[in-house]
N, C-alpha and C. Protein backbone atom coordinates (compact mmCIF):
# COMPACT_ATOMS: atom_id res chain seq x y z
N UNK A 1 65.47 53.12 -31.87
CA UNK A 1 63.94 52.64 -31.28
C UNK A 1 64.13 52.08 -29.77
N UNK A 2 63.40 52.85 -29.39
CA UNK A 2 63.46 52.59 -27.88
C UNK A 2 62.63 51.17 -27.55
N UNK A 3 62.67 50.58 -26.74
CA UNK A 3 61.83 49.59 -26.27
C UNK A 3 60.88 49.57 -25.35
N UNK A 4 59.33 49.23 -25.04
CA UNK A 4 58.78 49.75 -24.09
C UNK A 4 59.19 48.54 -23.60
N UNK A 5 59.10 48.41 -22.21
CA UNK A 5 59.44 48.00 -20.85
C UNK A 5 57.63 47.60 -20.85
N UNK A 6 56.75 47.44 -20.86
CA UNK A 6 55.81 47.36 -20.10
C UNK A 6 55.31 45.93 -21.48
N UNK A 7 55.42 45.86 -22.48
CA UNK A 7 54.73 44.81 -23.24
C UNK A 7 55.65 43.55 -22.06
N UNK A 8 56.93 43.83 -22.78
CA UNK A 8 57.44 42.41 -21.86
C UNK A 8 56.79 41.79 -20.60
N UNK A 9 56.69 42.50 -19.86
CA UNK A 9 55.95 42.37 -18.43
C UNK A 9 54.39 41.85 -19.19
N UNK A 10 53.60 42.18 -19.41
CA UNK A 10 52.33 41.65 -20.04
C UNK A 10 52.47 40.64 -20.25
N UNK A 11 53.36 39.84 -21.58
CA UNK A 11 53.72 38.96 -22.23
C UNK A 11 54.23 37.76 -20.55
N UNK A 12 55.06 38.32 -20.05
CA UNK A 12 55.41 37.35 -18.55
C UNK A 12 54.13 36.95 -18.05
N UNK A 13 53.03 37.95 -17.46
CA UNK A 13 51.90 37.85 -16.82
C UNK A 13 51.50 37.22 -17.74
N UNK A 14 51.12 36.93 -19.03
CA UNK A 14 50.24 36.27 -19.61
C UNK A 14 50.82 34.54 -19.37
N UNK A 15 51.58 34.48 -19.34
CA UNK A 15 52.72 33.36 -19.73
C UNK A 15 52.37 32.70 -17.87
N UNK A 16 52.26 33.46 -16.82
CA UNK A 16 52.60 33.38 -16.02
C UNK A 16 51.09 32.70 -15.44
N UNK A 17 49.84 33.60 -16.11
CA UNK A 17 48.64 32.95 -15.97
C UNK A 17 48.09 31.68 -16.84
N UNK A 18 48.89 31.75 -17.67
CA UNK A 18 48.42 30.44 -19.05
C UNK A 18 49.04 28.97 -17.68
N UNK A 19 50.15 29.05 -17.37
CA UNK A 19 50.97 28.04 -16.64
C UNK A 19 50.13 27.52 -14.96
N UNK A 20 49.54 29.04 -14.75
CA UNK A 20 48.82 28.67 -13.44
C UNK A 20 47.66 27.80 -13.71
N UNK A 21 46.96 28.58 -15.04
CA UNK A 21 45.38 28.10 -15.09
C UNK A 21 45.71 26.46 -15.51
N UNK A 22 47.13 26.20 -16.34
CA UNK A 22 46.97 24.44 -16.66
C UNK A 22 47.31 23.83 -15.18
N UNK A 23 47.93 24.01 -14.30
CA UNK A 23 48.30 24.05 -13.12
C UNK A 23 47.04 23.61 -12.77
N UNK A 24 46.38 24.49 -12.37
CA UNK A 24 44.82 23.86 -11.98
C UNK A 24 44.33 22.92 -12.26
N UNK A 25 44.07 23.04 -13.61
CA UNK A 25 43.77 22.41 -15.06
C UNK A 25 43.55 20.17 -14.28
N UNK A 26 45.58 20.54 -13.91
CA UNK A 26 45.71 19.29 -13.73
C UNK A 26 45.57 18.82 -12.20
N UNK A 27 46.09 19.93 -11.39
CA UNK A 27 45.30 19.71 -10.44
C UNK A 27 44.26 18.90 -10.08
N UNK A 28 42.54 19.46 -10.87
CA UNK A 28 41.38 19.28 -10.64
C UNK A 28 41.14 18.03 -11.69
N UNK A 29 42.12 17.43 -12.23
CA UNK A 29 42.47 16.46 -13.19
C UNK A 29 42.53 15.34 -12.11
N UNK A 30 43.63 15.22 -11.27
CA UNK A 30 44.30 14.59 -10.87
C UNK A 30 43.25 13.79 -9.16
N UNK A 31 43.04 15.01 -8.92
CA UNK A 31 41.79 15.30 -7.74
C UNK A 31 40.58 14.07 -8.00
N UNK A 32 40.34 14.34 -9.33
CA UNK A 32 39.20 13.59 -9.71
C UNK A 32 39.21 12.37 -9.98
N UNK A 33 40.41 11.80 -10.43
CA UNK A 33 40.84 10.39 -11.04
C UNK A 33 41.13 10.23 -8.93
N UNK A 34 41.44 10.79 -8.27
CA UNK A 34 42.11 10.15 -6.85
C UNK A 34 40.84 9.95 -5.90
N UNK A 35 39.55 10.81 -6.21
CA UNK A 35 38.22 10.32 -5.40
C UNK A 35 37.02 9.33 -5.83
N UNK A 36 38.21 8.62 -7.20
CA UNK A 36 37.33 7.74 -7.70
C UNK A 36 37.75 6.55 -6.97
N UNK A 37 36.36 5.74 -6.83
CA UNK A 37 36.28 4.66 -6.00
C UNK A 37 36.61 3.29 -6.61
N UNK A 38 37.52 2.84 -6.52
CA UNK A 38 38.29 2.10 -7.23
C UNK A 38 37.41 0.30 -6.95
N UNK A 39 36.97 -0.18 -8.28
CA UNK A 39 35.89 -1.67 -7.77
C UNK A 39 36.42 -2.54 -8.13
N UNK A 40 36.49 -3.57 -7.58
CA UNK A 40 36.83 -4.70 -7.55
C UNK A 40 36.85 -5.65 -8.76
N UNK A 41 37.87 -6.18 -9.04
CA UNK A 41 37.51 -6.73 -10.67
C UNK A 41 36.18 -8.14 -9.97
N UNK A 42 36.12 -8.18 -8.95
CA UNK A 42 35.08 -9.34 -9.09
C UNK A 42 33.89 -8.20 -9.31
N UNK A 43 33.64 -7.61 -8.69
CA UNK A 43 32.14 -6.96 -8.62
C UNK A 43 32.05 -5.95 -9.91
N UNK A 44 33.15 -5.84 -10.71
CA UNK A 44 32.84 -5.35 -11.97
C UNK A 44 32.68 -6.20 -13.14
N UNK A 45 33.03 -7.48 -13.24
CA UNK A 45 32.66 -8.82 -14.01
C UNK A 45 31.48 -9.23 -12.76
N UNK A 46 31.35 -9.29 -12.00
CA UNK A 46 29.39 -9.35 -11.69
C UNK A 46 28.91 -8.59 -12.37
N UNK A 47 29.16 -7.25 -12.89
CA UNK A 47 28.01 -6.26 -13.39
C UNK A 47 28.01 -6.43 -14.95
N UNK A 48 29.07 -6.76 -15.05
CA UNK A 48 29.48 -7.68 -16.69
C UNK A 48 28.53 -8.44 -16.87
N UNK A 49 28.53 -9.61 -15.98
CA UNK A 49 27.70 -11.28 -15.78
C UNK A 49 26.62 -10.93 -16.17
N UNK A 50 26.02 -9.76 -15.16
CA UNK A 50 24.46 -9.65 -15.27
C UNK A 50 23.74 -8.60 -17.20
N UNK A 51 24.76 -8.24 -17.28
CA UNK A 51 24.47 -7.57 -18.64
C UNK A 51 24.63 -8.85 -19.79
N UNK A 52 24.65 -10.08 -19.20
CA UNK A 52 25.34 -10.80 -20.33
C UNK A 52 24.27 -12.12 -20.06
N UNK A 53 23.03 -12.05 -19.31
CA UNK A 53 22.44 -13.06 -18.33
C UNK A 53 21.27 -13.18 -19.89
N UNK A 54 21.35 -14.51 -20.66
CA UNK A 54 20.87 -14.72 -21.55
C UNK A 54 19.56 -16.15 -21.07
N UNK A 55 19.71 -17.13 -20.35
CA UNK A 55 19.29 -17.85 -19.86
C UNK A 55 19.00 -18.14 -18.36
N UNK A 56 17.87 -17.81 -17.63
CA UNK A 56 17.50 -18.29 -16.28
C UNK A 56 16.79 -19.29 -16.41
N UNK A 57 17.34 -19.65 -14.96
CA UNK A 57 16.71 -20.82 -14.48
C UNK A 57 15.67 -20.55 -12.97
N UNK A 58 14.09 -20.79 -13.55
CA UNK A 58 13.87 -20.33 -11.89
C UNK A 58 12.78 -21.63 -11.27
N UNK A 59 13.09 -21.72 -10.04
CA UNK A 59 12.34 -23.21 -9.50
C UNK A 59 10.82 -22.68 -9.22
N UNK A 60 10.02 -23.05 -9.18
CA UNK A 60 9.21 -23.05 -9.06
C UNK A 60 8.25 -24.29 -8.08
N UNK A 61 7.55 -23.23 -6.93
CA UNK A 61 6.78 -24.88 -6.18
C UNK A 61 5.44 -23.90 -6.29
N UNK A 62 5.24 -23.10 -6.79
CA UNK A 62 3.90 -22.48 -6.80
C UNK A 62 3.09 -21.74 -5.49
N UNK A 63 4.21 -21.24 -4.80
CA UNK A 63 4.14 -20.48 -4.09
C UNK A 63 4.30 -19.07 -4.00
N UNK A 64 3.86 -17.95 -3.22
CA UNK A 64 3.84 -16.31 -3.61
C UNK A 64 5.26 -16.19 -3.80
N UNK A 65 6.52 -16.70 -2.72
CA UNK A 65 7.99 -16.33 -2.98
C UNK A 65 8.31 -16.80 -4.04
N UNK A 66 7.85 -18.17 -4.54
CA UNK A 66 8.20 -18.27 -6.01
C UNK A 66 8.15 -17.72 -7.16
N UNK A 67 6.57 -17.13 -6.99
CA UNK A 67 6.10 -16.63 -7.84
C UNK A 67 7.18 -14.75 -7.71
N UNK A 68 7.33 -14.44 -6.46
CA UNK A 68 8.13 -12.84 -6.30
C UNK A 68 9.82 -13.62 -7.20
N UNK A 69 10.02 -14.82 -7.63
CA UNK A 69 11.38 -14.65 -7.42
C UNK A 69 11.31 -14.99 -9.51
N UNK A 70 9.85 -15.81 -10.00
CA UNK A 70 9.67 -15.74 -11.66
C UNK A 70 9.64 -14.03 -11.67
N UNK A 71 9.11 -12.92 -11.37
CA UNK A 71 9.27 -11.69 -11.51
C UNK A 71 10.51 -11.52 -11.48
N UNK A 72 11.02 -11.36 -10.58
CA UNK A 72 12.53 -11.00 -10.13
C UNK A 72 13.39 -11.61 -11.63
N UNK A 73 13.33 -12.87 -12.03
CA UNK A 73 14.27 -12.99 -13.14
C UNK A 73 13.65 -12.41 -14.28
N UNK A 74 12.44 -12.22 -14.46
CA UNK A 74 12.25 -11.34 -15.69
C UNK A 74 12.75 -9.97 -15.45
N UNK A 75 12.86 -9.68 -14.77
CA UNK A 75 13.05 -8.33 -14.33
C UNK A 75 14.41 -8.27 -14.97
N UNK A 76 15.13 -9.05 -14.34
CA UNK A 76 16.39 -9.28 -14.35
C UNK A 76 16.96 -9.83 -15.88
N UNK A 77 15.86 -10.17 -16.73
CA UNK A 77 16.31 -10.64 -18.35
C UNK A 77 15.34 -9.70 -19.32
N UNK A 78 14.52 -8.59 -18.64
CA UNK A 78 14.00 -7.77 -19.77
C UNK A 78 15.11 -6.95 -20.99
N UNK A 79 16.06 -6.54 -20.33
CA UNK A 79 17.27 -5.84 -21.08
C UNK A 79 17.39 -6.85 -21.94
N UNK A 80 17.73 -7.77 -22.03
CA UNK A 80 18.65 -8.09 -22.34
C UNK A 80 17.95 -9.53 -23.47
N UNK A 81 16.45 -9.71 -23.12
CA UNK A 81 15.41 -10.63 -23.86
C UNK A 81 15.55 -12.12 -23.37
N UNK A 82 16.21 -12.06 -22.11
CA UNK A 82 17.01 -13.50 -21.78
C UNK A 82 15.92 -14.50 -21.99
N UNK A 83 15.83 -16.11 -21.85
CA UNK A 83 14.65 -17.01 -22.00
C UNK A 83 14.58 -17.58 -20.74
N UNK A 84 13.52 -17.58 -20.07
CA UNK A 84 13.34 -18.29 -18.42
C UNK A 84 12.80 -19.43 -18.61
N UNK A 85 13.70 -20.63 -17.98
CA UNK A 85 13.81 -21.58 -17.82
C UNK A 85 12.94 -21.86 -16.52
N UNK A 86 11.44 -22.13 -16.33
CA UNK A 86 10.52 -22.31 -15.37
C UNK A 86 10.74 -23.96 -14.85
N UNK A 87 10.75 -24.29 -13.79
CA UNK A 87 11.12 -25.95 -13.31
C UNK A 87 9.98 -25.71 -12.04
N UNK A 88 9.42 -27.35 -11.96
CA UNK A 88 9.29 -27.75 -10.90
C UNK A 88 9.48 -28.87 -10.83
N UNK A 89 10.01 -29.62 -9.56
CA UNK A 89 10.35 -30.71 -8.77
C UNK A 89 9.32 -31.64 -8.05
N UNK A 90 8.84 -32.81 -8.95
CA UNK A 90 8.13 -33.57 -8.66
C UNK A 90 9.33 -34.67 -7.15
N UNK A 91 8.47 -34.37 -5.96
CA UNK A 91 9.88 -35.73 -5.19
C UNK A 91 9.22 -36.89 -4.89
N UNK A 92 10.17 -37.67 -5.68
CA UNK A 92 9.65 -38.87 -5.59
C UNK A 92 10.18 -40.03 -4.06
N UNK A 93 9.40 -40.29 -3.66
CA UNK A 93 10.39 -41.01 -2.30
C UNK A 93 10.47 -41.85 -2.67
N UNK A 94 11.93 -42.31 -1.89
CA UNK A 94 13.12 -43.49 -2.06
C UNK A 94 12.14 -44.71 -2.36
N UNK A 95 10.48 -44.95 -1.22
CA UNK A 95 10.28 -46.11 -1.65
C UNK A 95 9.82 -46.69 -2.59
N UNK A 96 9.65 -46.09 -3.79
CA UNK A 96 9.29 -46.02 -5.33
C UNK A 96 10.25 -45.82 -6.16
N UNK A 97 9.50 -46.31 -6.91
CA UNK A 97 10.22 -46.51 -8.28
C UNK A 97 10.32 -44.55 -8.77
N UNK A 98 11.67 -44.19 -9.44
CA UNK A 98 11.31 -42.70 -9.84
C UNK A 98 10.15 -42.71 -10.90
N UNK A 99 9.73 -43.37 -11.77
CA UNK A 99 8.72 -43.73 -13.10
C UNK A 99 7.47 -43.42 -11.79
N UNK A 100 7.04 -43.50 -10.53
CA UNK A 100 5.67 -44.03 -10.01
C UNK A 100 4.95 -42.90 -10.38
N UNK A 101 3.65 -42.84 -11.19
CA UNK A 101 2.88 -41.92 -11.35
C UNK A 101 2.58 -41.22 -9.90
N UNK A 102 2.45 -39.58 -10.07
CA UNK A 102 2.25 -39.04 -9.20
C UNK A 102 1.14 -37.94 -9.54
N UNK A 103 0.09 -38.41 -9.91
CA UNK A 103 -0.84 -37.36 -10.67
C UNK A 103 -1.39 -36.44 -9.93
N UNK A 104 -1.47 -36.30 -8.84
CA UNK A 104 -1.67 -34.88 -7.61
C UNK A 104 -0.54 -34.00 -7.85
N UNK A 105 0.35 -34.89 -7.90
CA UNK A 105 1.84 -33.72 -7.97
C UNK A 105 1.95 -32.95 -9.16
N UNK A 106 1.71 -33.96 -10.53
CA UNK A 106 1.48 -33.52 -11.75
C UNK A 106 0.54 -32.56 -11.54
N UNK A 107 -0.69 -32.59 -11.20
CA UNK A 107 -1.47 -31.37 -11.49
C UNK A 107 -0.52 -30.05 -11.23
N UNK A 108 -0.24 -30.18 -9.35
CA UNK A 108 -0.01 -29.55 -8.72
C UNK A 108 1.43 -28.27 -9.89
N UNK A 109 1.99 -29.13 -9.86
CA UNK A 109 2.99 -28.49 -11.01
C UNK A 109 3.01 -28.25 -12.28
N UNK A 110 1.49 -28.67 -12.64
CA UNK A 110 0.91 -27.93 -14.25
C UNK A 110 0.42 -26.47 -13.27
N UNK A 111 -0.47 -26.89 -12.85
CA UNK A 111 -0.62 -25.24 -12.17
C UNK A 111 0.31 -24.37 -11.49
N UNK A 112 1.16 -24.38 -10.87
CA UNK A 112 2.78 -23.57 -10.87
C UNK A 112 2.87 -23.14 -12.33
N UNK A 113 3.69 -24.22 -12.74
CA UNK A 113 4.14 -23.81 -14.24
C UNK A 113 3.07 -22.88 -15.08
N UNK A 114 1.75 -23.23 -15.16
CA UNK A 114 1.27 -22.11 -15.87
C UNK A 114 1.26 -20.87 -15.21
N UNK A 115 1.03 -20.68 -14.02
CA UNK A 115 0.91 -19.13 -13.28
C UNK A 115 2.32 -18.41 -13.39
N UNK A 116 3.45 -19.60 -13.73
CA UNK A 116 4.76 -18.97 -13.62
C UNK A 116 4.78 -18.40 -15.43
N UNK A 117 4.38 -19.32 -16.14
CA UNK A 117 4.36 -18.73 -17.37
C UNK A 117 3.91 -17.57 -17.46
N UNK A 118 2.48 -17.23 -17.11
CA UNK A 118 2.28 -15.99 -17.26
C UNK A 118 2.51 -14.94 -16.90
N UNK A 119 3.67 -15.16 -15.60
CA UNK A 119 4.01 -13.68 -15.48
C UNK A 119 5.19 -13.86 -15.83
N UNK A 120 5.58 -14.34 -16.87
CA UNK A 120 6.76 -14.39 -17.94
C UNK A 120 6.28 -14.05 -19.59
N UNK A 121 5.17 -13.90 -19.82
CA UNK A 121 4.56 -13.61 -20.76
C UNK A 121 4.18 -12.29 -20.66
N UNK A 122 3.70 -11.92 -19.79
CA UNK A 122 3.59 -10.65 -19.01
C UNK A 122 4.71 -9.48 -19.25
N UNK A 123 6.27 -9.94 -18.91
CA UNK A 123 7.03 -9.03 -19.36
C UNK A 123 7.37 -9.01 -20.91
N UNK A 124 6.76 -9.98 -21.87
CA UNK A 124 7.54 -10.05 -23.16
C UNK A 124 8.34 -11.07 -23.08
N UNK A 125 8.93 -12.05 -22.84
CA UNK A 125 9.94 -13.03 -22.76
C UNK A 125 9.07 -14.55 -22.93
N UNK A 126 10.36 -14.95 -23.51
CA UNK A 126 9.77 -16.47 -23.78
C UNK A 126 10.65 -17.56 -22.54
N UNK A 127 9.55 -18.34 -22.62
CA UNK A 127 10.03 -19.48 -21.50
C UNK A 127 9.45 -20.33 -22.04
N UNK A 128 9.90 -21.16 -20.52
CA UNK A 128 10.28 -22.85 -21.33
C UNK A 128 10.34 -23.80 -20.02
N UNK A 129 9.40 -24.69 -19.91
CA UNK A 129 9.16 -24.93 -18.95
C UNK A 129 9.00 -26.83 -18.78
N UNK A 130 9.43 -27.14 -17.52
CA UNK A 130 10.62 -28.13 -17.54
C UNK A 130 9.64 -28.67 -16.02
N UNK A 131 9.63 -30.47 -15.98
CA UNK A 131 9.18 -31.00 -14.98
C UNK A 131 10.44 -32.15 -14.30
N UNK A 132 10.53 -32.03 -13.80
CA UNK A 132 11.91 -32.51 -13.21
C UNK A 132 11.30 -33.80 -11.93
N UNK A 133 11.44 -35.20 -12.06
CA UNK A 133 10.96 -36.18 -11.12
C UNK A 133 12.49 -36.62 -10.78
N UNK A 134 12.48 -36.56 -8.92
CA UNK A 134 14.07 -36.29 -8.60
C UNK A 134 13.63 -37.06 -7.12
N UNK A 135 14.79 -37.42 -6.00
CA UNK A 135 14.60 -38.04 -4.67
C UNK A 135 14.50 -36.78 -4.02
N UNK A 136 15.18 -35.53 -4.60
CA UNK A 136 15.43 -34.37 -3.70
C UNK A 136 14.80 -33.23 -4.72
N UNK A 137 14.38 -32.27 -4.21
CA UNK A 137 13.49 -31.26 -4.71
C UNK A 137 15.23 -30.33 -5.65
N UNK A 138 16.46 -30.44 -4.62
CA UNK A 138 17.62 -29.82 -4.89
C UNK A 138 18.36 -30.83 -5.72
N UNK A 139 17.97 -32.07 -5.88
CA UNK A 139 18.39 -32.49 -6.67
C UNK A 139 18.33 -32.82 -8.57
N UNK A 140 16.50 -32.26 -8.27
CA UNK A 140 16.28 -32.61 -9.47
C UNK A 140 16.26 -30.87 -10.32
N UNK A 141 16.72 -29.57 -9.21
CA UNK A 141 17.62 -28.59 -9.71
C UNK A 141 18.35 -28.88 -10.45
N UNK A 142 19.00 -29.42 -9.73
CA UNK A 142 21.01 -29.49 -10.32
C UNK A 142 21.02 -30.51 -11.50
N UNK A 143 20.31 -31.28 -11.38
CA UNK A 143 19.67 -31.84 -13.06
C UNK A 143 19.99 -30.96 -13.76
N UNK A 144 18.88 -30.05 -13.81
CA UNK A 144 18.15 -29.14 -14.42
C UNK A 144 19.16 -27.84 -15.13
N UNK A 145 19.90 -27.63 -13.99
CA UNK A 145 21.24 -26.45 -13.96
C UNK A 145 22.35 -27.51 -14.76
N UNK A 146 22.60 -28.40 -14.30
CA UNK A 146 23.69 -29.00 -15.04
C UNK A 146 23.54 -29.32 -16.34
N UNK A 147 22.02 -29.62 -16.61
CA UNK A 147 21.65 -29.96 -18.10
C UNK A 147 21.36 -28.59 -19.21
N UNK A 148 21.29 -27.61 -18.56
CA UNK A 148 20.61 -26.22 -19.63
C UNK A 148 21.62 -25.58 -19.72
N UNK A 149 22.54 -25.30 -18.49
CA UNK A 149 23.97 -24.23 -18.64
C UNK A 149 23.44 -23.07 -18.20
N UNK A 150 22.10 -22.99 -17.31
CA UNK A 150 21.95 -21.52 -17.51
C UNK A 150 22.66 -20.60 -16.66
N UNK A 151 22.35 -18.69 -16.84
CA UNK A 151 23.53 -17.87 -16.71
C UNK A 151 23.50 -17.55 -14.90
N UNK A 152 22.04 -17.88 -14.57
CA UNK A 152 22.00 -17.57 -13.37
C UNK A 152 21.26 -18.33 -13.37
N UNK A 153 20.72 -18.47 -11.40
CA UNK A 153 19.07 -19.62 -10.94
C UNK A 153 18.68 -18.61 -10.03
N UNK A 154 17.14 -18.28 -10.12
CA UNK A 154 16.88 -17.35 -8.52
C UNK A 154 15.46 -18.17 -8.32
N UNK A 155 15.98 -17.88 -6.90
CA UNK A 155 15.08 -18.77 -6.36
C UNK A 155 14.66 -18.25 -5.41
N UNK A 156 12.82 -18.72 -4.80
CA UNK A 156 12.65 -17.82 -4.04
C UNK A 156 12.59 -18.47 -2.76
N UNK A 157 12.81 -17.88 -1.68
CA UNK A 157 12.76 -18.44 0.07
C UNK A 157 11.28 -18.10 0.61
N UNK A 158 10.59 -18.67 1.57
CA UNK A 158 9.73 -17.75 2.14
C UNK A 158 10.58 -17.19 3.64
N UNK A 159 9.45 -15.61 3.62
CA UNK A 159 10.02 -14.79 4.57
C UNK A 159 10.50 -14.94 5.84
N UNK A 160 9.89 -15.91 6.51
CA UNK A 160 10.08 -16.50 7.60
C UNK A 160 10.72 -17.86 7.76
N UNK A 161 12.44 -17.68 7.46
CA UNK A 161 12.80 -19.10 7.20
C UNK A 161 13.03 -20.34 8.04
N UNK A 162 12.79 -20.93 7.94
CA UNK A 162 13.08 -22.26 8.72
C UNK A 162 13.83 -23.23 8.37
N UNK A 163 15.06 -23.71 8.06
CA UNK A 163 15.39 -25.04 7.06
C UNK A 163 14.11 -26.41 7.06
N UNK A 164 14.25 -26.54 8.57
CA UNK A 164 13.41 -27.71 8.42
C UNK A 164 12.08 -27.65 7.78
N UNK A 165 11.36 -26.92 7.69
CA UNK A 165 9.76 -26.53 7.48
C UNK A 165 9.19 -26.40 6.13
N UNK A 166 10.37 -25.97 4.97
CA UNK A 166 9.90 -25.91 3.63
C UNK A 166 11.20 -26.88 2.87
N UNK A 167 10.17 -27.34 1.81
CA UNK A 167 11.33 -28.01 0.98
C UNK A 167 11.98 -26.96 0.29
N UNK A 168 11.51 -26.04 -0.11
CA UNK A 168 12.45 -25.28 -1.05
C UNK A 168 13.38 -24.96 -0.22
N UNK A 169 13.23 -24.28 0.77
CA UNK A 169 14.30 -23.85 1.80
C UNK A 169 15.09 -24.67 2.18
N UNK A 170 14.98 -26.14 2.30
CA UNK A 170 16.27 -26.96 2.24
C UNK A 170 16.73 -26.89 1.06
N UNK A 171 15.90 -26.91 0.09
CA UNK A 171 16.23 -27.11 -1.39
C UNK A 171 17.64 -26.29 -1.43
N UNK A 172 17.43 -24.87 -1.22
CA UNK A 172 18.35 -23.75 -1.10
C UNK A 172 19.62 -23.99 -0.54
N UNK A 173 20.13 -24.96 -0.02
CA UNK A 173 21.05 -25.08 0.69
C UNK A 173 21.99 -25.97 0.02
N UNK A 174 21.35 -26.66 -0.95
CA UNK A 174 21.74 -27.77 -1.81
C UNK A 174 22.25 -27.51 -2.98
N UNK A 175 21.03 -25.73 -3.26
CA UNK A 175 21.85 -25.49 -5.03
C UNK A 175 23.32 -24.86 -4.25
N UNK A 176 23.07 -24.05 -3.09
CA UNK A 176 24.18 -23.47 -2.83
C UNK A 176 25.45 -23.54 -3.06
N UNK A 177 25.64 -24.95 -3.26
CA UNK A 177 26.86 -25.63 -2.54
C UNK A 177 26.97 -26.46 -3.32
N UNK A 178 26.18 -26.79 -4.89
CA UNK A 178 26.34 -27.38 -6.02
C UNK A 178 26.39 -26.95 -7.49
N UNK A 179 25.92 -25.57 -7.28
CA UNK A 179 25.14 -25.11 -8.45
C UNK A 179 26.24 -24.69 -9.66
N UNK A 180 26.08 -25.01 -11.54
CA UNK A 180 27.45 -24.71 -12.06
C UNK A 180 27.15 -23.23 -12.28
N UNK A 181 26.75 -22.28 -11.98
CA UNK A 181 26.62 -20.92 -11.88
C UNK A 181 26.05 -20.04 -10.97
N UNK A 182 25.67 -18.62 -11.36
CA UNK A 182 24.94 -18.04 -9.84
C UNK A 182 24.04 -18.17 -9.32
N UNK A 183 23.90 -17.49 -8.36
CA UNK A 183 22.78 -18.11 -7.90
C UNK A 183 21.90 -16.58 -7.13
N UNK A 184 20.64 -16.51 -7.35
CA UNK A 184 20.33 -14.95 -6.20
C UNK A 184 19.41 -15.62 -6.03
N UNK A 185 19.29 -15.47 -4.67
CA UNK A 185 18.48 -15.77 -3.66
C UNK A 185 17.12 -14.48 -3.03
N UNK A 186 15.81 -14.96 -3.79
CA UNK A 186 15.12 -13.55 -3.27
C UNK A 186 14.02 -13.98 -2.15
N UNK A 187 14.29 -13.03 -1.42
CA UNK A 187 13.71 -13.16 -0.04
C UNK A 187 13.05 -12.17 1.09
N UNK A 188 11.60 -11.61 0.87
CA UNK A 188 11.10 -10.71 1.20
C UNK A 188 11.09 -10.87 2.73
N UNK A 189 11.55 -9.85 3.66
CA UNK A 189 11.44 -9.61 4.35
C UNK A 189 10.11 -10.15 6.02
N UNK A 190 10.57 -10.59 6.68
CA UNK A 190 9.30 -11.29 7.47
C UNK A 190 8.06 -10.05 7.52
N UNK A 191 6.97 -10.63 7.81
CA UNK A 191 5.50 -9.22 7.99
C UNK A 191 5.39 -8.51 6.50
N UNK A 192 6.54 -8.72 5.37
CA UNK A 192 6.12 -8.11 4.26
C UNK A 192 5.08 -8.73 3.23
N UNK A 193 4.86 -9.90 3.76
CA UNK A 193 4.03 -10.83 2.36
C UNK A 193 2.98 -9.45 2.22
N UNK A 194 2.54 -9.81 0.94
CA UNK A 194 1.38 -9.05 0.03
C UNK A 194 0.32 -9.89 0.61
């Protein structure tokens, strides 16, 4: 029985076609791997740490930019149902004992914390308020941060930044140097205040 020479050529063509198709798929796969951007380990761990945020500390002075920081903290913590720790520092002059009553400042602290708490409640998150008495705002924030061990501190800064003008702005420098956790600074560009 004679063999048909056409059949083996179809077989060869099919094998060649399959090999070319597999080669093309291999090329596409390698190309897609090469085109991916390698994410540095520090960036990848930052992304993971934001997903793991359970406690956020937000110092508030009752200013608009402080309240923006509270709003930012709430948005960051919504998915994880993070607990928002709100705090206000009453700065006691060095000429007075640390326990000296400061009724006017205590009233401002209560008012600022109540406004901040209402922002947190509007997001359906749990909050806790703290009033620290310290010689400087930075010192008070750091004492509370070390006691609470939050995952992150969110600080609001005034748009027209002047290190000598605002207590909280000067405080930001102290926090940046000594904070025991990550810090996020929220500063609205100048001229965009609402």
